[in-house]
N, C-alpha and C. Protein backbone atom coordinates (compact mmCIF):
# COMPACT_ATOMS: atom_id res chain seq x y z
N UNK A 1 36.72 -83.53 -97.86
CA UNK A 1 35.84 -82.49 -97.52
C UNK A 1 36.61 -81.43 -96.63
N UNK A 2 37.42 -82.04 -95.59
CA UNK A 2 38.04 -81.14 -94.56
C UNK A 2 39.17 -80.24 -95.40
N UNK A 3 39.83 -80.80 -96.30
CA UNK A 3 40.62 -79.83 -97.05
C UNK A 3 40.03 -78.78 -97.73
N UNK A 4 38.77 -79.09 -98.28
CA UNK A 4 38.08 -77.96 -99.00
C UNK A 4 37.67 -76.97 -98.00
N UNK A 5 37.14 -77.38 -96.69
CA UNK A 5 36.75 -76.45 -95.77
C UNK A 5 37.97 -75.69 -95.18
N UNK A 6 39.01 -76.34 -95.12
CA UNK A 6 40.44 -75.85 -94.64
C UNK A 6 40.87 -74.60 -95.60
N UNK A 7 40.80 -74.98 -96.90
CA UNK A 7 41.12 -74.00 -98.04
C UNK A 7 40.12 -72.78 -97.99
N UNK A 8 38.89 -73.13 -97.78
CA UNK A 8 37.84 -72.02 -97.87
C UNK A 8 38.06 -70.96 -96.61
N UNK A 9 38.43 -71.72 -95.30
CA UNK A 9 38.74 -70.81 -94.10
C UNK A 9 39.97 -70.06 -94.41
N UNK A 10 41.07 -70.65 -94.88
CA UNK A 10 42.45 -69.98 -95.28
C UNK A 10 42.14 -68.83 -96.28
N UNK A 11 41.35 -69.09 -97.39
CA UNK A 11 41.05 -67.99 -98.29
C UNK A 11 40.17 -66.87 -97.77
N UNK A 12 39.24 -67.27 -97.00
CA UNK A 12 38.27 -66.20 -96.77
C UNK A 12 38.06 -65.75 -95.27
N UNK A 13 38.91 -66.45 -94.49
CA UNK A 13 39.06 -66.09 -93.05
C UNK A 13 37.82 -66.12 -92.31
N UNK A 14 37.70 -64.89 -91.62
CA UNK A 14 36.55 -64.78 -90.73
C UNK A 14 35.21 -64.75 -91.45
N UNK A 15 35.09 -64.36 -92.59
CA UNK A 15 33.90 -64.49 -93.38
C UNK A 15 33.45 -65.92 -93.58
N UNK A 16 34.52 -66.79 -93.80
CA UNK A 16 34.19 -68.15 -94.11
C UNK A 16 33.68 -68.70 -92.80
N UNK A 17 34.28 -68.29 -91.58
CA UNK A 17 33.74 -68.76 -90.20
C UNK A 17 32.32 -68.40 -90.13
N UNK A 18 31.93 -67.19 -90.52
CA UNK A 18 30.63 -66.72 -90.40
C UNK A 18 29.79 -67.57 -91.20
N UNK A 19 29.96 -67.57 -92.45
CA UNK A 19 29.16 -68.49 -93.40
C UNK A 19 29.12 -69.94 -92.73
N UNK A 20 30.09 -70.40 -92.25
CA UNK A 20 30.04 -71.86 -91.70
C UNK A 20 29.08 -71.98 -90.45
N UNK A 21 29.17 -70.80 -89.80
CA UNK A 21 28.32 -70.84 -88.53
C UNK A 21 26.81 -70.77 -88.85
N UNK A 22 26.55 -70.31 -90.01
CA UNK A 22 25.11 -70.37 -90.48
C UNK A 22 24.54 -71.81 -90.65
N UNK A 23 25.50 -72.73 -91.06
CA UNK A 23 25.15 -74.12 -91.36
C UNK A 23 25.76 -75.08 -90.40
N UNK A 24 27.02 -75.15 -90.09
CA UNK A 24 27.65 -76.04 -88.98
C UNK A 24 28.53 -75.34 -88.28
N UNK A 25 28.07 -74.89 -87.06
CA UNK A 25 28.84 -73.98 -86.26
C UNK A 25 30.00 -74.54 -85.71
N UNK A 26 30.07 -75.66 -85.04
CA UNK A 26 31.28 -76.22 -84.40
C UNK A 26 32.39 -76.30 -85.37
N UNK A 27 32.16 -77.01 -86.37
CA UNK A 27 33.24 -77.21 -87.32
C UNK A 27 33.77 -75.89 -87.89
N UNK A 28 32.97 -74.98 -88.23
CA UNK A 28 33.44 -73.68 -88.72
C UNK A 28 34.39 -72.92 -87.63
N UNK A 29 33.92 -72.93 -86.37
CA UNK A 29 34.73 -72.44 -85.35
C UNK A 29 35.98 -73.08 -85.06
N UNK A 30 35.84 -74.45 -85.09
CA UNK A 30 37.21 -75.15 -85.01
C UNK A 30 38.05 -75.07 -86.01
N UNK A 31 37.57 -75.04 -87.26
CA UNK A 31 38.61 -74.67 -88.35
C UNK A 31 39.04 -73.19 -88.31
N UNK A 32 38.27 -72.31 -87.90
CA UNK A 32 38.66 -70.98 -87.67
C UNK A 32 39.76 -70.78 -86.60
N UNK A 33 39.56 -71.62 -85.57
CA UNK A 33 40.71 -71.55 -84.53
C UNK A 33 41.86 -72.14 -84.95
N UNK A 34 41.72 -73.16 -85.84
CA UNK A 34 42.96 -73.76 -86.40
C UNK A 34 43.61 -72.70 -87.35
N UNK A 35 42.87 -72.06 -88.10
CA UNK A 35 43.41 -71.01 -88.98
C UNK A 35 44.06 -69.95 -88.10
N UNK A 36 43.54 -69.60 -87.14
CA UNK A 36 44.17 -68.49 -86.21
C UNK A 36 45.48 -69.12 -85.65
N UNK A 37 45.38 -70.25 -85.20
CA UNK A 37 46.54 -71.00 -84.75
C UNK A 37 47.64 -71.23 -85.71
N UNK A 38 47.43 -71.19 -87.02
CA UNK A 38 48.33 -71.23 -88.01
C UNK A 38 48.79 -69.65 -88.51
N UNK A 39 48.03 -68.72 -87.87
CA UNK A 39 48.48 -67.31 -88.25
C UNK A 39 47.87 -66.69 -89.40
N UNK A 40 46.78 -67.28 -90.02
CA UNK A 40 46.03 -66.79 -91.17
C UNK A 40 45.36 -65.74 -90.82
N UNK A 41 44.90 -65.52 -89.56
CA UNK A 41 43.96 -64.32 -89.10
C UNK A 41 43.95 -64.45 -87.59
N UNK A 42 43.12 -63.53 -86.96
CA UNK A 42 43.28 -63.37 -85.41
C UNK A 42 42.18 -64.30 -84.89
N UNK A 43 42.45 -64.77 -83.78
CA UNK A 43 41.41 -65.56 -82.93
C UNK A 43 40.16 -64.68 -82.73
N UNK A 44 40.45 -63.36 -82.41
CA UNK A 44 39.33 -62.38 -82.18
C UNK A 44 38.49 -62.35 -83.39
N UNK A 45 39.00 -62.32 -84.52
CA UNK A 45 38.07 -62.27 -85.80
C UNK A 45 37.15 -63.47 -85.78
N UNK A 46 37.79 -64.77 -85.42
CA UNK A 46 36.98 -65.79 -85.43
C UNK A 46 35.82 -65.86 -84.44
N UNK A 47 36.06 -65.28 -83.27
CA UNK A 47 35.07 -65.26 -82.21
C UNK A 47 34.00 -64.21 -82.65
N UNK A 48 34.52 -63.07 -83.21
CA UNK A 48 33.30 -62.01 -83.60
C UNK A 48 32.59 -62.52 -84.71
N UNK A 49 33.25 -63.21 -85.77
CA UNK A 49 32.52 -63.47 -86.99
C UNK A 49 31.37 -64.67 -86.46
N UNK A 50 31.88 -65.63 -85.63
CA UNK A 50 31.13 -66.81 -85.18
C UNK A 50 29.95 -66.17 -84.34
N UNK A 51 30.18 -65.26 -83.53
CA UNK A 51 29.18 -64.76 -82.72
C UNK A 51 28.07 -64.03 -83.40
N UNK A 52 28.58 -63.05 -84.37
CA UNK A 52 27.48 -62.43 -85.02
C UNK A 52 26.69 -63.05 -86.04
N UNK A 53 27.38 -64.02 -86.82
CA UNK A 53 26.67 -64.95 -87.70
C UNK A 53 25.70 -65.83 -86.91
N UNK A 54 26.05 -66.47 -85.76
CA UNK A 54 25.20 -67.27 -85.13
C UNK A 54 24.06 -66.58 -84.65
N UNK A 55 24.23 -65.29 -84.11
CA UNK A 55 22.89 -64.63 -83.58
C UNK A 55 22.20 -64.11 -84.72
N UNK A 56 22.75 -63.68 -85.83
CA UNK A 56 21.84 -63.46 -87.10
C UNK A 56 21.01 -64.79 -87.61
N UNK A 57 21.75 -65.82 -87.70
CA UNK A 57 21.02 -67.09 -88.08
C UNK A 57 19.89 -67.55 -87.18
N UNK A 58 20.09 -67.34 -85.80
CA UNK A 58 19.17 -67.79 -84.84
C UNK A 58 17.99 -66.82 -85.04
N UNK A 59 18.25 -65.55 -85.08
CA UNK A 59 17.21 -64.56 -85.28
C UNK A 59 16.47 -64.57 -86.39
N UNK A 60 17.11 -65.01 -87.46
CA UNK A 60 16.37 -65.12 -88.71
C UNK A 60 15.47 -66.35 -88.63
N UNK A 61 15.85 -67.50 -88.06
CA UNK A 61 15.04 -68.62 -87.84
C UNK A 61 13.74 -68.16 -86.90
N UNK A 62 14.12 -67.41 -85.90
CA UNK A 62 12.98 -66.99 -84.96
C UNK A 62 12.02 -66.16 -85.70
N UNK A 63 12.38 -65.33 -86.57
CA UNK A 63 11.38 -64.42 -87.15
C UNK A 63 10.74 -65.13 -88.19
N UNK A 64 11.22 -66.09 -88.86
CA UNK A 64 10.67 -66.88 -89.79
C UNK A 64 9.53 -67.66 -89.24
N UNK A 65 9.91 -68.36 -88.03
CA UNK A 65 8.91 -69.01 -87.15
C UNK A 65 7.69 -68.07 -86.79
N UNK A 66 8.23 -66.92 -86.33
CA UNK A 66 7.14 -66.03 -85.89
C UNK A 66 6.12 -65.62 -87.00
N UNK A 67 6.66 -65.44 -88.24
CA UNK A 67 5.92 -64.94 -89.34
C UNK A 67 5.05 -66.14 -89.86
N UNK A 68 5.58 -67.35 -89.89
CA UNK A 68 5.00 -68.55 -90.48
C UNK A 68 4.07 -69.33 -89.55
N UNK A 69 4.48 -69.14 -88.18
CA UNK A 69 3.51 -69.69 -87.18
C UNK A 69 3.60 -71.30 -87.20
N UNK A 70 2.81 -71.82 -86.34
CA UNK A 70 2.74 -73.14 -85.99
C UNK A 70 2.19 -74.06 -87.13
N UNK A 71 1.39 -73.62 -88.02
CA UNK A 71 1.05 -74.44 -89.32
C UNK A 71 2.29 -74.73 -89.97
N UNK A 72 3.29 -73.91 -90.07
CA UNK A 72 4.41 -74.19 -90.98
C UNK A 72 5.08 -75.35 -90.16
N UNK A 73 5.21 -75.42 -88.98
CA UNK A 73 5.91 -76.64 -88.23
C UNK A 73 5.10 -77.79 -88.48
N UNK A 74 3.74 -77.82 -88.38
CA UNK A 74 2.86 -78.96 -88.49
C UNK A 74 3.02 -79.56 -89.88
N UNK A 75 3.45 -78.67 -90.92
CA UNK A 75 3.62 -79.36 -92.33
C UNK A 75 4.97 -80.05 -92.40
N UNK A 76 5.73 -80.20 -91.36
CA UNK A 76 7.12 -80.85 -91.44
C UNK A 76 7.09 -82.01 -90.46
N UNK A 77 6.60 -83.14 -91.02
CA UNK A 77 6.52 -84.27 -90.05
C UNK A 77 7.92 -84.70 -89.56
N UNK A 78 8.92 -84.59 -90.18
CA UNK A 78 10.27 -85.04 -89.75
C UNK A 78 10.66 -84.22 -88.42
N UNK A 79 10.14 -82.92 -88.38
CA UNK A 79 10.45 -82.21 -87.19
C UNK A 79 9.72 -82.36 -85.96
N UNK A 80 8.62 -83.19 -86.13
CA UNK A 80 7.72 -83.41 -84.92
C UNK A 80 8.39 -83.97 -83.77
N UNK A 81 9.18 -84.92 -83.88
CA UNK A 81 9.93 -85.44 -82.57
C UNK A 81 10.73 -84.40 -81.84
N UNK A 82 11.36 -83.73 -82.72
CA UNK A 82 12.21 -82.54 -82.15
C UNK A 82 11.34 -81.48 -81.62
N UNK A 83 10.42 -81.13 -82.10
CA UNK A 83 9.50 -80.05 -81.75
C UNK A 83 8.92 -80.54 -80.30
N UNK A 84 8.35 -81.84 -80.34
CA UNK A 84 7.91 -82.29 -78.97
C UNK A 84 9.03 -82.30 -77.90
N UNK A 85 10.19 -82.59 -78.22
CA UNK A 85 11.24 -82.61 -77.31
C UNK A 85 11.51 -81.18 -76.88
N UNK A 86 11.63 -80.29 -77.80
CA UNK A 86 11.86 -78.77 -77.37
C UNK A 86 10.76 -78.31 -76.35
N UNK A 87 9.45 -78.64 -76.79
CA UNK A 87 8.29 -78.13 -76.03
C UNK A 87 8.41 -78.78 -74.57
N UNK A 88 8.77 -79.95 -74.41
CA UNK A 88 8.98 -80.58 -73.09
C UNK A 88 10.07 -79.92 -72.35
N UNK A 89 11.10 -79.75 -73.04
CA UNK A 89 12.24 -78.94 -72.40
C UNK A 89 11.83 -77.44 -71.98
N UNK A 90 11.08 -76.67 -72.88
CA UNK A 90 10.56 -75.31 -72.52
C UNK A 90 9.65 -75.41 -71.48
N UNK A 91 8.77 -76.38 -71.33
CA UNK A 91 7.83 -76.42 -70.18
C UNK A 91 8.55 -76.69 -68.87
N UNK A 92 9.42 -77.52 -68.85
CA UNK A 92 10.30 -77.81 -67.67
C UNK A 92 11.37 -76.96 -67.27
N UNK A 93 12.05 -76.29 -68.13
CA UNK A 93 13.13 -75.38 -67.78
C UNK A 93 12.96 -73.93 -68.35
N UNK A 94 12.11 -73.69 -69.30
CA UNK A 94 12.01 -72.28 -69.73
C UNK A 94 13.13 -71.69 -70.31
N UNK A 95 13.53 -70.43 -69.71
CA UNK A 95 14.55 -69.49 -70.08
C UNK A 95 15.91 -70.20 -70.31
N UNK A 96 16.30 -71.20 -69.48
CA UNK A 96 17.55 -71.85 -69.63
C UNK A 96 17.64 -72.72 -71.02
N UNK A 97 16.46 -73.05 -71.47
CA UNK A 97 16.55 -73.77 -72.83
C UNK A 97 16.80 -72.74 -73.89
N UNK A 98 16.07 -71.45 -73.64
CA UNK A 98 16.40 -70.30 -74.70
C UNK A 98 17.94 -69.97 -74.69
N UNK A 99 18.46 -69.98 -73.59
CA UNK A 99 19.97 -69.65 -73.48
C UNK A 99 20.75 -70.91 -73.95
N UNK A 100 20.46 -72.04 -73.71
CA UNK A 100 21.36 -73.29 -74.00
C UNK A 100 20.97 -74.06 -75.21
N UNK A 101 19.95 -73.60 -75.99
CA UNK A 101 19.58 -74.52 -77.18
C UNK A 101 20.79 -74.74 -78.20
N UNK A 102 21.67 -73.95 -78.25
CA UNK A 102 22.87 -74.08 -79.11
C UNK A 102 23.64 -75.34 -78.76
N UNK A 103 23.54 -75.71 -77.34
CA UNK A 103 24.45 -76.87 -76.98
C UNK A 103 23.63 -78.26 -77.22
N UNK A 104 22.25 -78.06 -77.67
CA UNK A 104 21.41 -79.13 -77.84
C UNK A 104 21.46 -79.58 -79.36
N UNK A 105 22.49 -80.46 -79.71
CA UNK A 105 22.63 -80.95 -81.07
C UNK A 105 21.29 -81.47 -81.69
N UNK A 106 21.06 -81.08 -82.78
CA UNK A 106 19.84 -81.62 -83.46
C UNK A 106 18.61 -80.77 -83.28
N UNK A 107 18.63 -79.92 -82.26
CA UNK A 107 17.56 -79.09 -81.90
C UNK A 107 17.69 -77.44 -82.08
N UNK A 108 19.04 -77.22 -82.55
CA UNK A 108 19.45 -75.72 -82.57
C UNK A 108 18.75 -74.95 -83.73
N UNK A 109 18.27 -75.76 -84.77
CA UNK A 109 17.53 -74.87 -85.83
C UNK A 109 16.07 -74.99 -85.54
N UNK A 110 15.47 -75.99 -85.00
CA UNK A 110 14.05 -76.18 -84.63
C UNK A 110 13.70 -75.17 -83.63
N UNK A 111 14.60 -75.01 -82.48
CA UNK A 111 14.23 -74.20 -81.37
C UNK A 111 13.97 -72.79 -81.59
N UNK A 112 14.74 -71.95 -82.41
CA UNK A 112 14.42 -70.71 -82.63
C UNK A 112 13.05 -70.50 -83.44
N UNK A 113 12.95 -71.46 -84.39
CA UNK A 113 11.76 -71.39 -85.26
C UNK A 113 10.48 -71.67 -84.38
N UNK A 114 10.67 -72.60 -83.50
CA UNK A 114 9.46 -73.07 -82.55
C UNK A 114 9.26 -71.80 -81.68
N UNK A 115 10.22 -71.28 -81.00
CA UNK A 115 10.03 -70.12 -80.07
C UNK A 115 9.28 -68.79 -80.82
N UNK A 116 9.65 -68.65 -82.05
CA UNK A 116 9.04 -67.71 -82.86
C UNK A 116 7.51 -67.88 -83.01
N UNK A 117 7.27 -69.25 -83.36
CA UNK A 117 5.87 -69.64 -83.61
C UNK A 117 5.09 -69.66 -82.30
N UNK A 118 5.73 -69.70 -81.13
CA UNK A 118 5.11 -69.73 -79.83
C UNK A 118 4.78 -68.21 -79.41
N UNK A 119 5.21 -67.29 -80.04
CA UNK A 119 4.92 -65.85 -79.83
C UNK A 119 5.93 -65.26 -78.67
N UNK A 120 7.06 -65.81 -78.42
CA UNK A 120 8.09 -65.39 -77.50
C UNK A 120 8.48 -63.86 -77.95
N UNK A 121 8.57 -63.08 -77.04
CA UNK A 121 8.90 -61.67 -77.26
C UNK A 121 10.32 -61.79 -78.12
N UNK A 122 10.35 -60.95 -79.29
CA UNK A 122 11.70 -60.85 -80.05
C UNK A 122 12.76 -60.38 -79.19
N UNK A 123 12.60 -59.37 -78.40
CA UNK A 123 13.57 -58.86 -77.44
C UNK A 123 14.00 -59.91 -76.37
N UNK A 124 13.17 -60.55 -75.88
CA UNK A 124 13.56 -61.66 -74.89
C UNK A 124 14.28 -62.74 -75.62
N UNK A 125 13.84 -63.12 -76.78
CA UNK A 125 14.66 -64.21 -77.49
C UNK A 125 16.11 -63.71 -77.88
N UNK A 126 16.12 -62.43 -78.37
CA UNK A 126 17.41 -61.86 -78.83
C UNK A 126 18.36 -61.88 -77.59
N UNK A 127 17.82 -61.42 -76.38
CA UNK A 127 18.84 -61.32 -75.36
C UNK A 127 19.18 -62.67 -74.83
N UNK A 128 18.31 -63.49 -74.65
CA UNK A 128 18.52 -64.92 -74.14
C UNK A 128 19.30 -65.68 -75.10
N UNK A 129 18.92 -65.72 -76.28
CA UNK A 129 19.79 -66.40 -77.40
C UNK A 129 21.15 -65.79 -77.49
N UNK A 130 21.31 -64.59 -77.59
CA UNK A 130 22.56 -63.95 -77.61
C UNK A 130 23.52 -64.31 -76.49
N UNK A 131 23.00 -64.40 -75.13
CA UNK A 131 23.72 -64.77 -74.11
C UNK A 131 24.16 -66.22 -74.31
N UNK A 132 23.30 -67.19 -74.81
CA UNK A 132 23.55 -68.50 -75.17
C UNK A 132 24.52 -68.69 -76.32
N UNK A 133 24.55 -67.84 -77.25
CA UNK A 133 25.55 -67.78 -78.32
C UNK A 133 26.91 -67.42 -77.70
N UNK A 134 27.05 -66.43 -76.96
CA UNK A 134 28.26 -66.00 -76.47
C UNK A 134 28.92 -67.23 -75.57
N UNK A 135 28.17 -67.81 -74.84
CA UNK A 135 28.65 -68.89 -74.07
C UNK A 135 29.02 -70.17 -74.91
N UNK A 136 28.22 -70.39 -75.93
CA UNK A 136 28.39 -71.54 -76.86
C UNK A 136 29.87 -71.30 -77.68
N UNK A 137 29.86 -70.00 -78.39
CA UNK A 137 31.07 -69.57 -79.14
C UNK A 137 32.35 -69.64 -78.13
N UNK A 138 32.12 -69.19 -77.01
CA UNK A 138 33.24 -69.32 -75.98
C UNK A 138 33.68 -70.68 -75.71
N UNK A 139 32.77 -71.43 -75.38
CA UNK A 139 33.12 -72.86 -75.22
C UNK A 139 33.69 -73.52 -76.29
N UNK A 140 33.22 -73.48 -77.53
CA UNK A 140 33.81 -74.26 -78.59
C UNK A 140 35.17 -73.56 -78.97
N UNK A 141 35.37 -72.21 -78.80
CA UNK A 141 36.69 -71.65 -79.12
C UNK A 141 37.66 -72.12 -78.05
N UNK A 142 37.30 -72.22 -76.78
CA UNK A 142 38.32 -72.63 -75.65
C UNK A 142 38.53 -74.18 -75.99
N UNK A 143 37.79 -74.96 -76.41
CA UNK A 143 38.01 -76.35 -76.73
C UNK A 143 38.96 -76.27 -77.95
N UNK A 144 38.65 -75.53 -78.93
CA UNK A 144 39.44 -75.45 -80.15
C UNK A 144 40.82 -75.01 -80.00
N UNK A 145 41.05 -73.97 -79.04
CA UNK A 145 42.24 -73.46 -78.80
C UNK A 145 43.13 -74.64 -78.23
N UNK A 146 42.49 -75.40 -77.23
CA UNK A 146 43.35 -76.38 -76.49
C UNK A 146 43.43 -77.67 -77.43
N UNK A 147 42.76 -77.81 -78.58
CA UNK A 147 42.91 -78.84 -79.43
C UNK A 147 43.67 -78.48 -80.73
N UNK A 148 43.90 -77.13 -80.94
CA UNK A 148 44.57 -76.77 -82.30
C UNK A 148 45.79 -77.64 -82.68
N UNK A 149 46.60 -77.76 -81.58
CA UNK A 149 47.89 -78.65 -82.01
C UNK A 149 47.36 -79.97 -82.45
N UNK A 150 46.59 -80.56 -81.80
CA UNK A 150 46.08 -81.92 -82.15
C UNK A 150 45.26 -82.00 -83.57
N UNK A 151 44.61 -80.83 -83.85
CA UNK A 151 43.99 -80.76 -84.97
C UNK A 151 44.91 -80.57 -86.21
N UNK A 152 45.98 -79.76 -85.99
CA UNK A 152 46.94 -79.58 -87.05
C UNK A 152 47.67 -80.98 -87.35
N UNK A 153 47.92 -81.62 -86.28
CA UNK A 153 48.74 -82.87 -86.43
C UNK A 153 47.80 -83.98 -87.21
N UNK A 154 46.47 -83.90 -86.83
CA UNK A 154 45.47 -84.86 -87.48
C UNK A 154 45.36 -84.53 -89.00
N UNK A 155 45.34 -83.13 -89.25
CA UNK A 155 45.09 -82.84 -90.69
C UNK A 155 46.45 -82.99 -91.49
N UNK A 156 47.61 -82.96 -90.92
CA UNK A 156 48.67 -83.27 -91.53
C UNK A 156 48.92 -84.86 -91.92
N UNK A 157 48.10 -85.59 -91.10
CA UNK A 157 48.26 -87.01 -91.48
C UNK A 157 47.00 -87.65 -92.02
N UNK A 158 46.09 -86.82 -92.28
CA UNK A 158 44.81 -87.25 -92.95
C UNK A 158 44.90 -87.98 -94.26
N UNK A 159 45.86 -87.57 -95.00
CA UNK A 159 46.01 -88.20 -96.37
C UNK A 159 46.52 -89.69 -96.16
N UNK A 160 47.49 -89.86 -95.06
CA UNK A 160 47.91 -91.23 -94.82
C UNK A 160 46.74 -92.15 -94.42
N UNK A 161 45.90 -91.52 -93.72
CA UNK A 161 44.71 -92.27 -93.05
C UNK A 161 43.82 -92.64 -94.22
N UNK A 162 43.56 -91.67 -95.09
CA UNK A 162 42.66 -91.77 -96.30
C UNK A 162 43.41 -93.11 -97.19
N UNK A 163 44.66 -93.01 -97.43
CA UNK A 163 45.17 -94.09 -98.23
C UNK A 163 44.98 -95.50 -97.48
N UNK A 164 45.20 -95.54 -96.27
CA UNK A 164 45.12 -96.83 -95.31
C UNK A 164 43.52 -97.12 -95.55
N UNK A 165 42.59 -96.38 -95.22
CA UNK A 165 41.19 -96.64 -95.45
C UNK A 165 40.95 -97.09 -96.89
N UNK A 166 41.50 -96.53 -98.03
CA UNK A 166 41.17 -97.08 -99.34
C UNK A 166 41.65 -98.51 -99.44
N UNK A 167 42.91 -98.59 -98.98
CA UNK A 167 43.47 -100.08 -99.07
C UNK A 167 42.74 -101.08 -98.29
N UNK A 168 42.11 -100.74 -97.11
CA UNK A 168 41.37 -101.52 -96.56
C UNK A 168 40.07 -101.95 -97.15
N UNK A 169 39.36 -100.83 -97.81
CA UNK A 169 38.14 -101.17 -98.52
C UNK A 169 38.54 -101.93 -99.81
N UNK A 170 39.60 -101.72 -100.39
CA UNK A 170 39.83 -102.48 -101.64
C UNK A 170 40.23 -103.97 -101.24
N UNK A 171 40.93 -104.18 -100.37
CA UNK A 171 41.03 -105.52 -99.75
C UNK A 171 39.73 -106.25 -99.26
N UNK A 172 39.10 -105.42 -98.57
CA UNK A 172 37.65 -106.01 -98.13
C UNK A 172 36.86 -106.23 -99.31
N UNK A 173 36.87 -105.56 -100.34
CA UNK A 173 35.99 -105.85 -101.55
C UNK A 173 36.59 -106.90 -102.30
N UNK A 174 37.93 -107.10 -102.34
CA UNK A 174 38.49 -108.25 -103.13
C UNK A 174 38.22 -109.42 -102.34
N UNK A 175 38.23 -109.56 -101.01
CA UNK A 175 37.84 -110.66 -100.11
C UNK A 175 36.42 -110.99 -100.41
N UNK A 176 35.55 -110.06 -100.38
CA UNK A 176 34.15 -110.15 -100.56
C UNK A 176 33.83 -110.93 -101.97
N UNK A 177 34.52 -110.36 -102.99
CA UNK A 177 34.23 -110.96 -104.34
C UNK A 177 34.70 -112.43 -104.26
N UNK A 178 36.06 -112.63 -103.79
CA UNK A 178 36.44 -113.91 -103.79
C UNK A 178 35.62 -114.95 -102.95
N UNK A 179 35.03 -114.60 -101.86
CA UNK A 179 34.14 -115.37 -101.03
C UNK A 179 32.84 -115.52 -101.95
N UNK A 180 32.41 -114.63 -102.62
CA UNK A 180 31.30 -114.80 -103.52
C UNK A 180 31.42 -115.83 -104.54
N UNK A 181 32.56 -115.73 -105.22
CA UNK A 181 32.80 -116.65 -106.48
C UNK A 181 33.09 -118.00 -105.93
N UNK A 182 33.72 -118.18 -104.55
CA UNK A 182 33.90 -119.41 -103.93
C UNK A 182 32.68 -120.23 -103.72
N UNK A 183 31.73 -119.49 -103.07
CA UNK A 183 30.44 -119.87 -102.84
C UNK A 183 29.67 -120.34 -103.97
N UNK A 184 29.81 -119.51 -104.94
CA UNK A 184 29.06 -119.77 -106.15
C UNK A 184 29.48 -120.95 -106.87
N UNK A 185 30.85 -121.25 -106.80
CA UNK A 185 31.36 -122.47 -107.54
C UNK A 185 31.18 -123.59 -106.66
N UNK A 186 30.99 -123.58 -105.45
CA UNK A 186 30.70 -124.71 -104.65
C UNK A 186 29.28 -125.01 -104.74
N UNK A 187 28.34 -124.02 -104.86
CA UNK A 187 26.90 -124.18 -105.13
C UNK A 187 26.60 -124.90 -106.48
N UNK A 188 27.33 -124.59 -107.54
CA UNK A 188 27.27 -125.03 -108.86
C UNK A 188 27.75 -126.50 -108.82
N UNK A 189 28.81 -126.88 -108.11
CA UNK A 189 29.37 -128.16 -108.03
C UNK A 189 28.33 -129.37 -107.36
N UNK A 190 27.39 -128.79 -106.67
CA UNK A 190 26.45 -129.64 -105.90
C UNK A 190 25.51 -130.02 -106.83
């Protein structure tokens, strides 16, 4: 899968980063930084694409939540624990949660939807979430820049690792089958 993402980033550059940030931001940014490290495009284009796409995605979720309201959330039982957690965080910390929800893995898509359903001002959400997005993109990019060499090294060796993992799985499966047949034959002899 990483090779597919890497190829997509290489072929479509900042556009791929933007699309990736709508679904899985850290991975898209890190692969974008890797692409910039390889000279496929500029680091600035990665930062701009990631920032704009993330702001767009968050505001889209916010406005869907604003339009659909709390009943839409109540129809999603799987979201209830996350919603309860976000509500507790909002009660306790308020605006910092609106700024930092991007850093809360597992809550980043529920939070804008919930904030929209709670009637938070669209301008307030836009400003606070945009500030949080700039901090988040900056942080992930900073980490990515410092890890780009390590990522390149890891990707160069991933095929070797895959071969080793396949060999381990095959040997393990062979041992499992051998143990099964040995136990079966011992049970049959009794």
